[in-house]
Protein backbone atom coordinates (compact mmCIF):
# COMPACT_ATOMS: atom_id res chain seq x y z
CA MET A 1 -8.19 -10.43 7.76
CA LYS A 2 -4.45 -10.65 7.15
CA ILE A 3 -3.27 -13.14 4.53
CA LEU A 4 0.19 -14.34 3.55
CA LEU A 5 0.45 -15.54 -0.05
CA VAL A 6 3.47 -17.71 -0.87
CA GLU A 7 3.43 -18.05 -4.67
CA ASP A 8 6.37 -17.95 -7.07
CA ASP A 9 4.28 -17.00 -10.12
CA ALA A 10 4.56 -13.21 -10.08
CA GLU A 11 1.53 -12.59 -12.30
CA LEU A 12 -0.73 -14.97 -10.37
CA GLY A 13 0.52 -13.52 -7.11
CA LYS A 14 -0.22 -9.97 -8.20
CA THR A 15 -3.68 -10.85 -9.50
CA LEU A 16 -4.61 -12.92 -6.46
CA SER A 17 -3.31 -10.26 -4.05
CA GLY A 18 -5.42 -7.67 -5.84
CA PHE A 19 -8.48 -9.89 -5.58
CA MET A 20 -7.90 -10.39 -1.86
CA GLU A 21 -7.55 -6.64 -1.32
CA ASN A 22 -10.80 -6.05 -3.24
CA VAL A 23 -12.67 -8.37 -0.88
CA ASN A 24 -11.35 -6.42 2.10
CA SER A 25 -8.40 -8.56 3.14
CA THR A 26 -4.81 -7.42 3.64
CA CYS A 27 -2.60 -9.66 1.50
CA GLU A 28 1.20 -9.82 1.51
CA HIS A 29 2.82 -11.71 -1.36
CA VAL A 30 6.22 -13.42 -1.30
CA GLN A 31 7.75 -15.72 -3.90
CA SER A 32 10.13 -17.94 -1.95
CA ILE A 33 10.44 -20.04 1.18
CA SER A 34 13.16 -17.79 2.59
CA ASP A 35 11.00 -14.68 2.29
CA ALA A 36 8.00 -16.53 3.72
CA LEU A 37 10.01 -17.70 6.73
CA MET A 38 11.13 -14.13 7.35
CA LYS A 39 7.50 -12.95 7.24
CA VAL A 40 6.13 -15.58 9.63
CA ASP A 41 8.99 -14.88 12.01
CA LEU A 42 8.08 -11.18 12.13
CA TYR A 43 4.30 -11.13 11.80
CA GLU A 44 1.12 -13.03 12.60
CA TYR A 45 -1.33 -13.98 9.86
CA ASP A 46 -4.93 -15.17 9.90
CA ILE A 47 -4.51 -17.28 6.77
CA ALA A 48 -1.50 -18.49 4.75
CA LEU A 49 -1.92 -19.55 1.11
CA ILE A 50 1.10 -21.66 0.23
CA ASP A 51 2.30 -23.12 -3.07
CA ARG A 52 4.27 -26.35 -2.92
CA VAL A 53 6.72 -25.80 -5.78
CA LEU A 54 8.91 -22.79 -4.98
CA PRO A 55 12.35 -21.68 -6.27
CA ASP A 56 14.13 -22.69 -3.07
CA GLY A 57 12.25 -25.87 -2.19
CA ASP A 58 8.92 -27.29 -1.06
CA GLY A 59 6.37 -24.94 0.50
CA LEU A 60 5.79 -27.57 3.17
CA GLU A 61 8.82 -26.08 4.93
CA VAL A 62 6.80 -22.94 5.60
CA ILE A 63 4.00 -25.03 7.08
CA LYS A 64 6.44 -26.85 9.34
CA GLU A 65 7.80 -23.54 10.62
CA LEU A 66 4.30 -22.22 11.33
CA LYS A 67 3.53 -25.37 13.30
CA ASN A 68 6.83 -25.20 15.19
CA LYS A 69 6.01 -21.63 16.21
CA GLY A 70 2.58 -22.67 17.45
CA ALA A 71 0.99 -20.10 15.13
CA LYS A 72 -2.82 -19.96 14.96
CA THR A 73 -2.60 -19.28 11.23
CA GLY A 74 -5.02 -21.21 9.02
CA ILE A 75 -3.16 -22.88 6.14
CA ILE A 76 -4.42 -23.58 2.63
CA ILE A 77 -2.11 -25.20 0.09
CA ILE A 78 -2.61 -23.97 -3.48
CA SER A 79 -0.63 -26.18 -5.83
CA ALA A 80 -0.50 -27.86 -9.23
CA MET A 81 0.53 -31.02 -7.35
CA LYS A 82 -2.91 -32.58 -7.31
CA ASP A 83 -2.37 -36.32 -6.80
CA THR A 84 -4.04 -37.88 -3.77
CA GLU A 85 -0.64 -38.65 -2.25
CA ASP A 86 0.38 -34.99 -2.58
CA LYS A 87 -2.81 -33.85 -0.87
CA VAL A 88 -2.41 -36.36 1.96
CA THR A 89 1.20 -35.28 2.51
CA GLY A 90 0.21 -31.63 2.65
CA LEU A 91 -2.65 -32.20 5.07
CA ASN A 92 -0.57 -34.47 7.28
CA THR A 93 2.15 -31.81 7.44
CA GLY A 94 -0.35 -29.41 8.95
CA ALA A 95 -2.36 -27.75 6.18
CA ASP A 96 -6.05 -27.21 6.92
CA ASP A 97 -7.12 -27.37 3.27
CA TYR A 98 -5.67 -28.22 -0.14
CA LEU A 99 -6.87 -26.54 -3.32
CA PRO A 100 -5.36 -27.82 -6.60
CA LYS A 101 -4.52 -25.39 -9.39
CA PRO A 102 -6.14 -24.07 -11.47
CA PHE A 103 -8.93 -22.78 -9.27
CA HIS A 104 -11.55 -20.05 -9.28
CA PHE A 105 -10.77 -17.14 -7.00
CA SER A 106 -14.34 -17.22 -5.69
CA GLU A 107 -13.87 -20.82 -4.51
CA LEU A 108 -10.60 -19.93 -2.80
CA ASN A 109 -12.27 -16.97 -1.11
CA ALA A 110 -15.09 -19.21 0.14
CA ARG A 111 -12.55 -21.68 1.54
CA ILE A 112 -10.65 -18.85 3.24
CA PHE A 113 -13.75 -17.60 5.03
CA SER A 114 -14.85 -21.13 5.91
CA LEU A 115 -11.46 -21.78 7.50
CA PHE A 116 -11.44 -18.43 9.28
CA ARG A 117 -14.89 -19.14 10.74
CA ARG A 118 -13.78 -22.59 11.86
CA LEU A 119 -10.66 -21.26 13.56
CA HIS A 120 -12.18 -18.26 15.29
CA PHE A 121 -15.97 -18.59 15.41
CA ASP A 122 -16.65 -22.34 15.72
CA GLY A 123 -17.66 -22.50 12.07
CA ASN A 124 -20.52 -20.02 12.39
CA LYS A 125 -21.17 -17.47 9.65
CA SER A 126 -21.82 -14.84 12.29
CA PHE A 127 -20.16 -14.19 15.62
CA HIS A 128 -21.94 -12.79 18.64
CA PHE A 129 -20.33 -11.39 21.76
CA LYS A 130 -22.87 -9.93 24.16
CA GLU A 131 -24.41 -6.97 22.29
CA ILE A 132 -21.89 -7.11 19.42
CA SER A 133 -22.60 -9.13 16.28
CA ILE A 134 -20.13 -9.58 13.42
CA TYR A 135 -20.78 -11.06 9.97
CA PRO A 136 -17.31 -11.70 8.48
CA GLU A 137 -18.42 -12.62 4.95
CA LYS A 138 -20.56 -9.49 4.66
CA PHE A 139 -18.07 -7.23 6.45
CA GLU A 140 -20.92 -6.03 8.62
CA CYS A 141 -21.46 -5.64 12.35
CA SER A 142 -24.16 -4.42 14.69
CA ILE A 143 -24.72 -3.37 18.29
CA ASN A 144 -27.98 -4.56 19.86
CA GLY A 145 -29.28 -5.23 16.36
CA ARG A 146 -28.48 -1.73 15.09
CA ASP A 147 -26.04 -1.40 12.20
CA LEU A 148 -22.59 -0.23 13.21
CA LYS A 149 -21.00 1.72 10.37
CA LEU A 150 -17.24 1.19 10.40
CA THR A 151 -14.41 1.92 8.02
CA ARG A 152 -12.52 -1.08 6.70
CA LYS A 153 -9.67 -0.53 9.15
CA GLU A 154 -12.04 -0.11 12.09
CA TYR A 155 -13.80 -3.32 11.11
CA ASP A 156 -10.50 -5.20 10.79
CA LEU A 157 -9.42 -3.80 14.15
CA LEU A 158 -12.61 -4.94 15.89
CA LEU A 159 -12.36 -8.39 14.31
CA PHE A 160 -8.71 -8.71 15.34
CA LEU A 161 -9.42 -7.65 18.92
CA LEU A 162 -12.41 -9.99 19.21
CA SER A 163 -10.41 -12.88 17.77
CA ASN A 164 -7.87 -12.34 20.55
CA LYS A 165 -10.12 -11.71 23.55
CA ASN A 166 -8.32 -11.18 26.87
CA ARG A 167 -4.94 -11.08 25.13
CA VAL A 168 -2.75 -8.00 25.42
CA LEU A 169 -1.90 -6.83 21.89
CA ASN A 170 0.94 -4.36 21.57
CA LYS A 171 0.62 -1.44 19.17
CA GLU A 172 3.18 -2.82 16.73
CA LEU A 173 1.35 -6.14 16.45
CA ILE A 174 -1.93 -4.35 15.80
CA ALA A 175 -0.29 -2.08 13.23
CA THR A 176 1.36 -4.89 11.30
CA HIS A 177 -1.76 -7.05 11.37
CA ILE A 178 -4.15 -4.37 10.16
CA TRP A 179 -1.88 -2.28 7.94
CA GLY A 180 0.68 -4.85 6.78
CA ASP A 181 4.05 -3.66 5.55
CA ASN A 182 2.69 -0.13 5.10
CA TYR A 183 3.05 0.56 8.80
CA ASP A 184 6.80 0.95 8.20
CA LEU A 185 6.03 4.23 6.44
CA VAL A 186 4.86 6.00 9.61
CA ASP A 187 6.92 7.62 12.35
CA SER A 188 4.75 6.58 15.31
CA PHE A 189 1.80 4.41 16.29
CA ASP A 190 -0.50 7.38 16.86
CA PHE A 191 -2.68 6.13 14.01
CA VAL A 192 -3.42 2.98 16.05
CA TYR A 193 -4.60 5.15 18.95
CA ASN A 194 -6.78 7.20 16.60
CA HIS A 195 -8.47 4.14 15.10
CA VAL A 196 -9.06 2.62 18.55
CA LYS A 197 -10.51 5.93 19.75
CA ASN A 198 -12.87 6.13 16.76
CA LEU A 199 -13.93 2.50 17.17
CA ARG A 200 -14.69 3.01 20.86
CA LYS A 201 -16.69 6.13 20.09
CA LYS A 202 -18.83 4.42 17.46
CA ILE A 203 -19.53 1.42 19.70
CA LYS A 204 -20.57 3.69 22.59
CA GLU A 205 -22.78 5.82 20.31
CA ARG A 206 -24.67 2.65 19.40
CA GLY A 207 -25.15 1.78 23.06
CA GLY A 208 -22.35 -0.75 23.38
CA SER A 209 -20.01 -1.20 26.32
CA ASP A 210 -16.33 -0.30 26.20
CA TYR A 211 -14.58 -3.67 26.16
CA ILE A 212 -11.37 -2.27 24.67
CA LYS A 213 -9.01 -1.57 27.53
CA THR A 214 -5.83 0.47 27.23
CA ILE A 215 -2.73 -1.22 28.59
CA TYR A 216 -0.56 1.84 29.13
CA GLY A 217 2.86 1.70 27.55
CA ILE A 218 2.00 -1.49 25.67
CA GLY A 219 -1.23 -1.54 23.68
CA TYR A 220 -4.80 -2.78 24.06
CA LYS A 221 -6.87 -5.71 25.26
CA PHE A 222 -10.45 -6.72 24.49
CA GLU A 223 -11.82 -7.83 27.86
CA SER A 224 -14.62 -10.37 27.80
CA ASN A 225 -15.06 -10.61 31.57
């Protein structure tokens, strides 16, 4: 899962980003509206955690931009602005949830997964596609009831592909979604090919079908037909 954290408090941002990474999410932290707008213009995110009070204005501006773009990003406001009117304004602007500060990280994590399930898996704690079963909160998956042992990146890749069934995903989009800003450090997208190859191999070894189709010169598509 790829998360954008828009939080001006550097210490909170660092701690929360670390927590998100520890629970197997890729988290990118920015501290201003301008940086957030640059991020959402370049990349796609599963979830955005947005503070209201930022150095260059109200975090609602980021939400408005996400909505204008038609992004499928789930939005949770995290803010010390906790009056009912503030919550209503945030939700009416387009946020899916509103969590007042201070909050427990475990509660935020539960809300993130609840929102992710609602957006991608009709609210179910597990997702089943033919012989493939995925359990997002456990970071587990199986083929025909048999455990499928995947690395974190392979798991994220499978989840991303399944969440975008029948959509052609170019290699750069896959790289930025799964590896975040770190993909800038590589010279080519060969690592995407290698992870797709390994994922295909493991699925086939467990008796699964090859739903991941190569779109030559572009990227990959998970075909559900």
